[in-house]
Amino acid sequence: MRISCSLMKSPILFEPPPAKDWQYFSSHYGIAIRPKDATKIKPDMFDLIINNETVAEIRAVEGQGCAGLMKLMDQDEIQFAYAGTPPSIVAIDSRIPIKILHPINTEGSGLVVGVDAPCNDWQSFIQWAKDRAVAYRPLQIATVKGSIQEVIFRFALKDAGIPVNVVSA
């Protein structure tokens, strides 16, 4: 679901927090999205509340994935989106006039290895990868194709001088 919000003239698009918890968000963070009709299972109209003041009316509309959002941005049908970084980078590379303002998911991803792996941090992981490459036993590493984890991991390996060969599973 995406949210189209009209603040006077310019609609914006973002993913809302759960509307049923609007009081919690309002009291803890000073911002909330309150459903206009709390009896609806899937409300489509909301009030955006900041510091206990309604500042905008929001209409929820069904959305397609990030590629669709980027197309809507290119057509100037939306001016803001909460979207994945990799598809946004692809859109930028395709000359869609957008920019990424701020990373949102700064926590929640991690490098996971087996308990017996001879590494405890990034530097020892890189050394392990290099040692295995010299022994003709390269590490087999999995990421979700197109995910932000893949993008970050590829650049981190590249910066560390580790070549990456992509093999489909």
Protein backbone atom coordinates (compact mmCIF):
# COMPACT_ATOMS: atom_id res chain seq x y z
CA MET A 1 0.00 0.00 0.00
CA ARG A 2 1.30 3.47 -0.70
CA ILE A 3 0.03 6.72 0.70
CA SER A 4 -0.67 9.76 -1.41
CA CYS A 5 -0.67 12.84 0.79
CA SER A 6 -1.82 16.27 -0.26
CA LEU A 7 -0.17 19.08 1.69
CA MET A 8 -1.84 21.94 -0.12
CA LYS A 9 -0.33 21.35 -3.60
CA SER A 10 2.26 18.59 -3.59
CA PRO A 11 1.38 14.92 -3.10
CA ILE A 12 3.95 12.73 -1.36
CA LEU A 13 4.24 8.97 -1.11
CA PHE A 14 5.34 6.85 1.83
CA GLU A 15 4.62 3.66 3.75
CA PRO A 16 2.60 4.39 6.90
CA PRO A 17 3.11 2.90 10.35
CA PRO A 18 0.27 0.66 11.46
CA ALA A 19 -2.77 2.95 11.67
CA LYS A 20 -4.21 1.02 14.61
CA ASP A 21 -1.29 2.25 16.75
CA TRP A 22 -1.67 5.91 15.85
CA GLN A 23 -2.05 7.02 19.49
CA TYR A 24 1.25 5.35 20.41
CA PHE A 25 3.10 7.09 17.59
CA SER A 26 1.48 10.42 18.42
CA SER A 27 2.36 10.27 22.13
CA HIS A 28 5.88 8.81 21.69
CA TYR A 29 7.06 10.52 18.51
CA GLY A 30 4.76 13.50 17.99
CA ILE A 31 3.66 12.22 14.58
CA ALA A 32 0.91 9.81 13.60
CA ILE A 33 -1.39 8.70 10.83
CA ARG A 34 -4.94 8.44 12.19
CA PRO A 35 -7.56 6.59 10.12
CA LYS A 36 -10.61 8.74 9.39
CA ASP A 37 -12.81 5.64 9.79
CA ALA A 38 -11.32 3.37 12.46
CA THR A 39 -14.03 0.76 11.83
CA LYS A 40 -12.56 -0.14 8.42
CA ILE A 41 -10.22 -3.14 8.29
CA LYS A 42 -8.22 -1.51 5.52
CA PRO A 43 -8.74 2.26 5.82
CA ASP A 44 -8.03 4.43 2.80
CA MET A 45 -8.28 7.93 4.27
CA PHE A 46 -6.12 9.26 7.11
CA ASP A 47 -5.15 12.43 8.93
CA LEU A 48 -1.45 13.20 9.30
CA ILE A 49 -1.02 14.50 12.84
CA ILE A 50 2.10 16.32 13.98
CA ASN A 51 2.33 17.51 17.59
CA ASN A 52 -1.41 16.88 18.08
CA GLU A 53 -2.32 19.03 15.07
CA THR A 54 -3.80 17.68 11.84
CA VAL A 55 -1.56 18.99 9.07
CA ALA A 56 -2.72 16.99 6.06
CA GLU A 57 -5.25 14.52 4.75
CA ILE A 58 -3.80 11.33 3.31
CA ARG A 59 -5.37 8.97 0.78
CA ALA A 60 -4.02 5.42 0.61
CA VAL A 61 -3.85 3.86 -2.83
CA GLU A 62 -2.64 0.44 -3.93
CA GLY A 63 0.88 0.57 -5.26
CA GLN A 64 3.16 -1.50 -7.41
CA GLY A 65 6.78 -2.24 -6.53
CA CYS A 66 9.63 0.23 -6.53
CA ALA A 67 10.05 0.14 -10.31
CA GLY A 68 6.45 1.33 -10.63
CA LEU A 69 7.05 4.06 -8.08
CA MET A 70 10.10 5.25 -10.01
CA LYS A 71 8.00 5.39 -13.19
CA LEU A 72 5.38 7.49 -11.36
CA MET A 73 8.13 9.81 -10.17
CA ASP A 74 9.48 10.11 -13.71
CA GLN A 75 5.98 11.08 -14.87
CA ASP A 76 5.72 13.60 -11.99
CA GLU A 77 2.62 11.82 -10.65
CA ILE A 78 4.28 11.52 -7.23
CA GLN A 79 7.02 13.61 -5.68
CA PHE A 80 8.17 11.37 -2.83
CA ALA A 81 8.52 7.62 -2.31
CA TYR A 82 9.71 5.31 0.43
CA ALA A 83 11.51 2.85 -1.78
CA GLY A 84 14.29 0.30 -1.95
CA THR A 85 17.78 1.57 -2.69
CA PRO A 86 18.75 -0.89 -5.48
CA PRO A 87 15.72 -0.15 -7.70
CA SER A 88 16.24 3.55 -7.03
CA ILE A 89 19.87 3.27 -8.14
CA VAL A 90 18.73 1.45 -11.30
CA ALA A 91 16.26 4.29 -11.95
CA ILE A 92 19.00 6.89 -11.45
CA ASP A 93 21.27 4.95 -13.82
CA SER A 94 18.38 4.94 -16.31
CA ARG A 95 18.36 8.74 -16.14
CA ILE A 96 15.14 9.10 -14.15
CA PRO A 97 15.62 12.48 -12.43
CA ILE A 98 15.49 11.38 -8.79
CA LYS A 99 17.85 11.36 -5.83
CA ILE A 100 18.03 9.34 -2.64
CA LEU A 101 17.63 11.76 0.25
CA HIS A 102 18.44 9.56 3.23
CA PRO A 103 18.94 5.88 4.00
CA ILE A 104 16.11 4.58 6.18
CA ASN A 105 17.18 1.00 7.01
CA THR A 106 20.47 1.67 8.77
CA GLU A 107 20.08 -1.35 11.02
CA GLY A 108 18.66 -4.78 10.43
CA SER A 109 21.19 -6.36 8.08
CA GLY A 110 24.24 -8.29 9.10
CA LEU A 111 27.05 -10.48 7.86
CA VAL A 112 26.26 -14.01 9.00
CA VAL A 113 28.81 -16.85 9.09
CA GLY A 114 28.92 -20.30 10.60
CA VAL A 115 29.94 -20.61 14.24
CA ASP A 116 33.20 -22.32 13.19
CA ALA A 117 34.23 -19.60 10.71
CA PRO A 118 37.70 -18.22 11.55
CA CYS A 119 36.53 -14.61 11.65
CA ASN A 120 34.94 -12.27 14.16
CA ASP A 121 34.80 -8.96 12.31
CA TRP A 122 35.01 -7.47 8.81
CA GLN A 123 38.83 -7.43 8.65
CA SER A 124 39.16 -11.08 9.67
CA PHE A 125 36.39 -11.98 7.21
CA ILE A 126 38.33 -10.32 4.38
CA GLN A 127 41.48 -12.17 5.42
CA TRP A 128 39.56 -15.46 5.44
CA ALA A 129 38.22 -14.75 1.94
CA LYS A 130 41.75 -13.96 0.69
CA ASP A 131 43.24 -17.07 2.32
CA ARG A 132 40.61 -19.30 0.73
CA ALA A 133 41.10 -17.67 -2.67
CA VAL A 134 44.86 -18.39 -2.52
CA ALA A 135 44.02 -22.02 -1.65
CA TYR A 136 41.63 -22.19 -4.69
CA ARG A 137 38.66 -22.63 -2.35
CA PRO A 138 36.71 -19.38 -2.77
CA LEU A 139 33.96 -18.59 -0.32
CA GLN A 140 30.43 -19.28 -1.46
CA ILE A 141 28.43 -16.22 -0.45
CA ALA A 142 24.67 -15.77 -0.77
CA THR A 143 22.65 -12.57 -0.96
CA VAL A 144 19.20 -11.86 -2.31
CA LYS A 145 19.62 -10.59 -5.88
CA GLY A 146 18.70 -6.93 -6.14
CA SER A 147 18.57 -6.39 -2.38
CA ILE A 148 20.28 -3.56 -0.57
CA GLN A 149 22.38 -6.20 1.17
CA GLU A 150 23.73 -7.33 -2.22
CA VAL A 151 24.58 -3.76 -3.25
CA ILE A 152 26.34 -2.95 0.03
CA PHE A 153 28.17 -6.27 0.15
CA ARG A 154 29.40 -6.05 -3.46
CA PHE A 155 30.80 -2.55 -2.90
CA ALA A 156 32.39 -3.56 0.41
CA LEU A 157 34.09 -6.57 -1.23
CA LYS A 158 35.23 -4.41 -4.14
CA ASP A 159 36.68 -1.83 -1.74
CA ALA A 160 38.52 -4.64 0.04
CA GLY A 161 40.00 -5.89 -3.25
CA ILE A 162 37.97 -9.11 -3.33
CA PRO A 163 36.74 -10.06 -6.83
CA VAL A 164 33.16 -11.29 -7.09
CA ASN A 165 31.99 -13.93 -9.57
CA VAL A 166 28.23 -14.19 -9.81
CA VAL A 167 26.84 -17.73 -9.98
CA SER A 168 23.10 -18.34 -10.16
CA ALA A 169 21.78 -20.97 -7.79
